[in-house]
Amino acid sequence: MGVRNAPDGTETLLDEMIATQRQRVTDLAQRIEPTLSPDDLLQPHDHPALAASPDFNFEDGVLAGYLAVRAALRANRQR
């Protein structure tokens, strides 16, 4: 998963935030459309009920932001 050698635990905290947010997105998606599988969430806009949900789009956007921050931290660390 994450690189655990960050002295301040930033990446560990970020990994925990990502896991929590991913579960939140999954739970919300399954409330909107109960038959969805985790694989369906890889292409949420293929499912009209998800695409039309502002709540789902917001939570999915938060997850995307967390993932972008983690990617940026890792890219910066490799320099």
Protein backbone atom coordinates (compact mmCIF):
# COMPACT_ATOMS: atom_id res chain seq x y z
CA MET A 1 0.00 0.00 0.00
CA GLY A 2 1.62 3.22 1.16
CA VAL A 3 5.22 4.06 1.82
CA ARG A 4 5.48 3.84 5.58
CA ASN A 5 8.82 5.57 6.06
CA ALA A 6 7.45 9.10 6.26
CA PRO A 7 8.82 10.39 9.56
CA ASP A 8 5.66 12.27 10.42
CA GLY A 9 3.22 9.49 9.48
CA THR A 10 1.63 11.58 6.75
CA GLU A 11 1.37 8.76 4.26
CA THR A 12 -0.02 6.35 6.84
CA LEU A 13 -2.69 8.86 7.77
CA LEU A 14 -3.47 9.47 4.10
CA ASP A 15 -3.82 5.71 3.48
CA GLU A 16 -6.31 5.51 6.37
CA MET A 17 -8.26 8.47 4.98
CA ILE A 18 -8.36 6.83 1.54
CA ALA A 19 -9.61 3.53 2.96
CA THR A 20 -12.32 5.28 4.95
CA GLN A 21 -13.42 7.41 2.01
CA ARG A 22 -13.40 4.42 -0.37
CA GLN A 23 -15.76 2.61 2.03
CA ARG A 24 -17.96 5.69 2.27
CA VAL A 25 -18.20 5.86 -1.54
CA THR A 26 -18.98 2.14 -1.76
CA ASP A 27 -21.67 2.33 0.92
CA LEU A 28 -23.30 5.34 -0.71
CA ALA A 29 -23.22 3.74 -4.16
CA GLN A 30 -24.83 0.59 -2.84
CA ARG A 31 -27.59 2.61 -1.18
CA ILE A 32 -28.27 4.31 -4.50
CA GLU A 33 -28.01 1.14 -6.58
CA PRO A 34 -27.91 -1.99 -4.37
CA THR A 35 -26.81 -4.41 -7.09
CA LEU A 36 -23.51 -2.63 -7.82
CA SER A 37 -20.28 -4.54 -7.37
CA PRO A 38 -16.94 -2.97 -6.38
CA ASP A 39 -15.85 -3.33 -10.02
CA ASP A 40 -18.83 -1.24 -11.11
CA LEU A 41 -17.44 1.66 -9.11
CA LEU A 42 -14.41 1.79 -11.39
CA GLN A 43 -16.74 3.27 -14.05
CA PRO A 44 -19.47 4.97 -12.01
CA HIS A 45 -20.72 7.07 -14.91
CA ASP A 46 -21.82 3.88 -16.67
CA HIS A 47 -24.58 3.79 -14.04
CA PRO A 48 -27.09 6.62 -14.54
CA ALA A 49 -28.28 6.65 -10.92
CA LEU A 50 -24.73 7.26 -9.69
CA ALA A 51 -23.95 9.80 -12.39
CA ALA A 52 -27.07 11.76 -11.42
CA SER A 53 -26.32 11.78 -7.69
CA PRO A 54 -24.65 14.95 -6.41
CA ASP A 55 -23.87 13.22 -3.12
CA PHE A 56 -22.10 10.34 -4.86
CA ASN A 57 -20.19 12.69 -7.16
CA PHE A 58 -19.06 14.78 -4.21
CA GLU A 59 -17.83 11.79 -2.18
CA ASP A 60 -16.16 10.25 -5.25
CA GLY A 61 -14.45 13.59 -5.88
CA VAL A 62 -13.11 13.65 -2.32
CA LEU A 63 -11.67 10.17 -2.87
CA ALA A 64 -10.10 11.27 -6.17
CA GLY A 65 -8.52 14.23 -4.37
CA TYR A 66 -7.01 12.02 -1.67
CA LEU A 67 -5.62 9.68 -4.33
CA ALA A 68 -4.11 12.64 -6.21
CA VAL A 69 -2.42 13.92 -3.05
CA ARG A 70 -0.93 10.48 -2.37
CA ALA A 71 0.36 10.25 -5.94
CA ALA A 72 1.92 13.71 -5.68
CA LEU A 73 3.61 12.87 -2.39
CA ARG A 74 5.06 9.69 -3.84
CA ALA A 75 6.23 11.40 -7.01
CA ASN A 76 7.88 14.14 -4.98
CA ARG A 77 9.59 11.59 -2.74
CA GLN A 78 11.14 9.82 -5.74
CA ARG A 79 12.95 12.96 -6.92
